[in-house]
Amino acid sequence: MSTIHINDNYYSGNSVVVSGNKVIIDGKDVTPDSKEIIISVVGNISELKVDVCNKLQIRGDVGNIKTQSGDVDVTGHVTGSIQTMSGDVNCNYVGGSISTMSGNIKHKK
């Protein structure tokens, strides 16, 4: 299980979903009071699905990442794909594909 840091709070889990202004970790609502959301994960996580956040940081491996808005930074491997509508992507190896409509992509092959 990974350690997930959202703003000033720490959680453990395998799946993070941010949808409709709600932050859900493994089915539990952990929505912060702040309008700015920064998500940091230390360890491996199966998926991240985020409508809007300022930044996603993953320090480990991840399955799939999908976000509408927010920069994505992964130091481990992505076994699936990364999709973002608006935001920069910086990562290592990606098993699937990377797509962004508005942002830069930097990754190692």
C-alpha atoms as a PDB file:
ATOM      1  CA  MET A   1       0.000   0.000   0.000  1.00  0.00           C
ATOM      2  CA  SER A   2       1.283   3.493  -0.862  1.00  0.00           C
ATOM      3  CA  THR A   3       1.508   6.651   1.203  1.00  0.00           C
ATOM      4  CA  ILE A   4      -0.575   9.407  -0.369  1.00  0.00           C
ATOM      5  CA  HIS A   5       0.008  13.031   0.620  1.00  0.00           C
ATOM      6  CA  ILE A   6      -2.809  15.454  -0.257  1.00  0.00           C
ATOM      7  CA  ASN A   7      -2.039  19.006   0.809  1.00  0.00           C
ATOM      8  CA  ASP A   8      -1.155  18.570   4.530  1.00  0.00           C
ATOM      9  CA  ASN A   9      -2.690  15.134   5.148  1.00  0.00           C
ATOM     10  CA  TYR A  10      -1.289  11.604   4.714  1.00  0.00           C
ATOM     11  CA  TYR A  11      -3.314   8.538   3.668  1.00  0.00           C
ATOM     12  CA  SER A  12      -2.656   4.951   2.554  1.00  0.00           C
ATOM     13  CA  GLY A  13      -4.242   3.307  -0.458  1.00  0.00           C
ATOM     14  CA  ASN A  14      -4.047   1.781  -3.914  1.00  0.00           C
ATOM     15  CA  SER A  15      -6.506   3.898  -5.897  1.00  0.00           C
ATOM     16  CA  VAL A  16      -7.066   7.675  -5.966  1.00  0.00           C
ATOM     17  CA  VAL A  17     -10.057   9.254  -7.724  1.00  0.00           C
ATOM     18  CA  VAL A  18     -10.755  13.005  -7.793  1.00  0.00           C
ATOM     19  CA  SER A  19     -14.171  13.682  -9.304  1.00  0.00           C
ATOM     20  CA  GLY A  20     -16.835  16.321  -8.778  1.00  0.00           C
ATOM     21  CA  ASN A  21     -14.656  18.191  -6.248  1.00  0.00           C
ATOM     22  CA  LYS A  22     -14.353  15.015  -4.142  1.00  0.00           C
ATOM     23  CA  VAL A  23     -11.107  13.158  -3.354  1.00  0.00           C
ATOM     24  CA  ILE A  24     -11.694   9.411  -2.921  1.00  0.00           C
ATOM     25  CA  ILE A  25      -8.979   6.954  -1.796  1.00  0.00           C
ATOM     26  CA  ASP A  26      -9.966   3.276  -1.971  1.00  0.00           C
ATOM     27  CA  GLY A  27     -13.643   4.288  -1.794  1.00  0.00           C
ATOM     28  CA  LYS A  28     -13.265   6.656   1.205  1.00  0.00           C
ATOM     29  CA  ASP A  29     -13.991  10.403   0.880  1.00  0.00           C
ATOM     30  CA  VAL A  30     -10.915  12.390   2.035  1.00  0.00           C
ATOM     31  CA  THR A  31     -11.741  15.717   0.352  1.00  0.00           C
ATOM     32  CA  PRO A  32      -9.584  18.595   1.685  1.00  0.00           C
ATOM     33  CA  ASP A  33     -11.092  21.997   2.509  1.00  0.00           C
ATOM     34  CA  SER A  34      -8.617  23.810   0.235  1.00  0.00           C
ATOM     35  CA  LYS A  35      -9.387  24.684  -3.396  1.00  0.00           C
ATOM     36  CA  GLU A  36      -5.778  23.868  -4.384  1.00  0.00           C
ATOM     37  CA  ILE A  37      -5.049  20.150  -4.538  1.00  0.00           C
ATOM     38  CA  ILE A  38      -1.537  18.713  -4.743  1.00  0.00           C
ATOM     39  CA  ILE A  39      -1.344  14.906  -4.708  1.00  0.00           C
ATOM     40  CA  SER A  40       1.926  13.112  -3.891  1.00  0.00           C
ATOM     41  CA  VAL A  41       2.194   9.314  -3.817  1.00  0.00           C
ATOM     42  CA  VAL A  42       5.191   7.488  -2.343  1.00  0.00           C
ATOM     43  CA  GLY A  43       5.146   3.842  -3.416  1.00  0.00           C
ATOM     44  CA  ASN A  44       3.267   1.935  -6.084  1.00  0.00           C
ATOM     45  CA  ILE A  45      -0.360   2.660  -6.925  1.00  0.00           C
ATOM     46  CA  SER A  46      -2.716   0.971  -9.364  1.00  0.00           C
ATOM     47  CA  GLU A  47      -4.523   4.042 -10.724  1.00  0.00           C
ATOM     48  CA  LEU A  48      -5.041   7.787 -10.450  1.00  0.00           C
ATOM     49  CA  LYS A  49      -8.179   9.383 -11.902  1.00  0.00           C
ATOM     50  CA  VAL A  50      -8.319  13.122 -11.313  1.00  0.00           C
ATOM     51  CA  ASP A  51     -10.692  15.732 -12.726  1.00  0.00           C
ATOM     52  CA  VAL A  52      -8.658  18.755 -11.606  1.00  0.00           C
ATOM     53  CA  CYS A  53      -5.616  19.258  -9.401  1.00  0.00           C
ATOM     54  CA  ASN A  54      -2.574  21.472  -9.449  1.00  0.00           C
ATOM     55  CA  LYS A  55       0.003  18.676  -9.536  1.00  0.00           C
ATOM     56  CA  LEU A  56       0.314  14.872  -9.356  1.00  0.00           C
ATOM     57  CA  GLN A  57       3.625  13.491  -8.086  1.00  0.00           C
ATOM     58  CA  ILE A  58       4.212   9.727  -8.032  1.00  0.00           C
ATOM     59  CA  ARG A  59       7.427   8.403  -6.458  1.00  0.00           C
ATOM     60  CA  GLY A  60       6.980   4.775  -7.497  1.00  0.00           C
ATOM     61  CA  ASP A  61       5.230   2.748 -10.177  1.00  0.00           C
ATOM     62  CA  VAL A  62       1.678   3.389 -11.359  1.00  0.00           C
ATOM     63  CA  GLY A  63      -0.779   1.526 -13.576  1.00  0.00           C
ATOM     64  CA  ASN A  64      -2.818   4.245 -15.300  1.00  0.00           C
ATOM     65  CA  ILE A  65      -3.175   8.002 -14.863  1.00  0.00           C
ATOM     66  CA  LYS A  66      -6.071  10.031 -16.222  1.00  0.00           C
ATOM     67  CA  THR A  67      -6.547  13.726 -15.488  1.00  0.00           C
ATOM     68  CA  GLN A  68      -8.346  16.639 -17.091  1.00  0.00           C
ATOM     69  CA  SER A  69      -6.088  19.303 -15.633  1.00  0.00           C
ATOM     70  CA  GLY A  70      -2.819  19.151 -13.726  1.00  0.00           C
ATOM     71  CA  ASP A  71       0.872  18.475 -14.232  1.00  0.00           C
ATOM     72  CA  VAL A  72       1.994  14.837 -13.889  1.00  0.00           C
ATOM     73  CA  ASP A  73       5.440  13.836 -12.556  1.00  0.00           C
ATOM     74  CA  VAL A  74       6.338  10.117 -12.207  1.00  0.00           C
ATOM     75  CA  THR A  75       9.777   8.879 -11.085  1.00  0.00           C
ATOM     76  CA  GLY A  76       8.900   5.178 -11.429  1.00  0.00           C
ATOM     77  CA  HIS A  77       7.408   3.268 -14.332  1.00  0.00           C
ATOM     78  CA  VAL A  78       3.923   3.589 -15.799  1.00  0.00           C
ATOM     79  CA  THR A  79       2.704   0.114 -16.767  1.00  0.00           C
ATOM     80  CA  GLY A  80      -0.393   1.477 -18.526  1.00  0.00           C
ATOM     81  CA  SER A  81      -1.080   4.883 -20.046  1.00  0.00           C
ATOM     82  CA  ILE A  82      -1.153   8.562 -19.118  1.00  0.00           C
ATOM     83  CA  GLN A  83      -3.953  10.803 -20.421  1.00  0.00           C
ATOM     84  CA  THR A  84      -4.276  14.477 -19.568  1.00  0.00           C
ATOM     85  CA  MET A  85      -6.252  17.245 -21.219  1.00  0.00           C
ATOM     86  CA  SER A  86      -4.149  20.107 -19.863  1.00  0.00           C
ATOM     87  CA  GLY A  87      -0.823  19.714 -18.111  1.00  0.00           C
ATOM     88  CA  ASP A  88       2.808  18.798 -18.557  1.00  0.00           C
ATOM     89  CA  VAL A  89       3.913  15.148 -18.249  1.00  0.00           C
ATOM     90  CA  ASN A  90       7.368  14.185 -16.956  1.00  0.00           C
ATOM     91  CA  CYS A  91       8.002  10.452 -16.523  1.00  0.00           C
ATOM     92  CA  ASN A  92      10.241   7.457 -17.157  1.00  0.00           C
ATOM     93  CA  TYR A  93       9.205   4.294 -19.035  1.00  0.00           C
ATOM     94  CA  VAL A  94       5.549   4.073 -20.120  1.00  0.00           C
ATOM     95  CA  GLY A  95       4.133   0.693 -21.170  1.00  0.00           C
ATOM     96  CA  GLY A  96       1.120   2.221 -22.917  1.00  0.00           C
ATOM     97  CA  SER A  97       0.719   5.667 -24.417  1.00  0.00           C
ATOM     98  CA  ILE A  98       0.974   9.293 -23.293  1.00  0.00           C
ATOM     99  CA  SER A  99      -1.426  11.955 -24.509  1.00  0.00           C
ATOM    100  CA  THR A 100      -2.010  15.592 -23.636  1.00  0.00           C
ATOM    101  CA  MET A 101      -3.950  18.219 -25.558  1.00  0.00           C
ATOM    102  CA  SER A 102      -2.199  21.169 -23.930  1.00  0.00           C
ATOM    103  CA  GLY A 103       1.203  20.583 -22.344  1.00  0.00           C
ATOM    104  CA  ASN A 104       4.677  19.214 -22.857  1.00  0.00           C
ATOM    105  CA  ILE A 105       5.692  15.547 -22.632  1.00  0.00           C
ATOM    106  CA  LYS A 106       9.134  14.464 -21.389  1.00  0.00           C
ATOM    107  CA  HIS A 107       9.820  10.737 -20.917  1.00  0.00           C
ATOM    108  CA  LYS A 108      12.549   8.138 -21.162  1.00  0.00           C
ATOM    109  CA  LYS A 109      12.116   5.332 -23.658  1.00  0.00           C
END
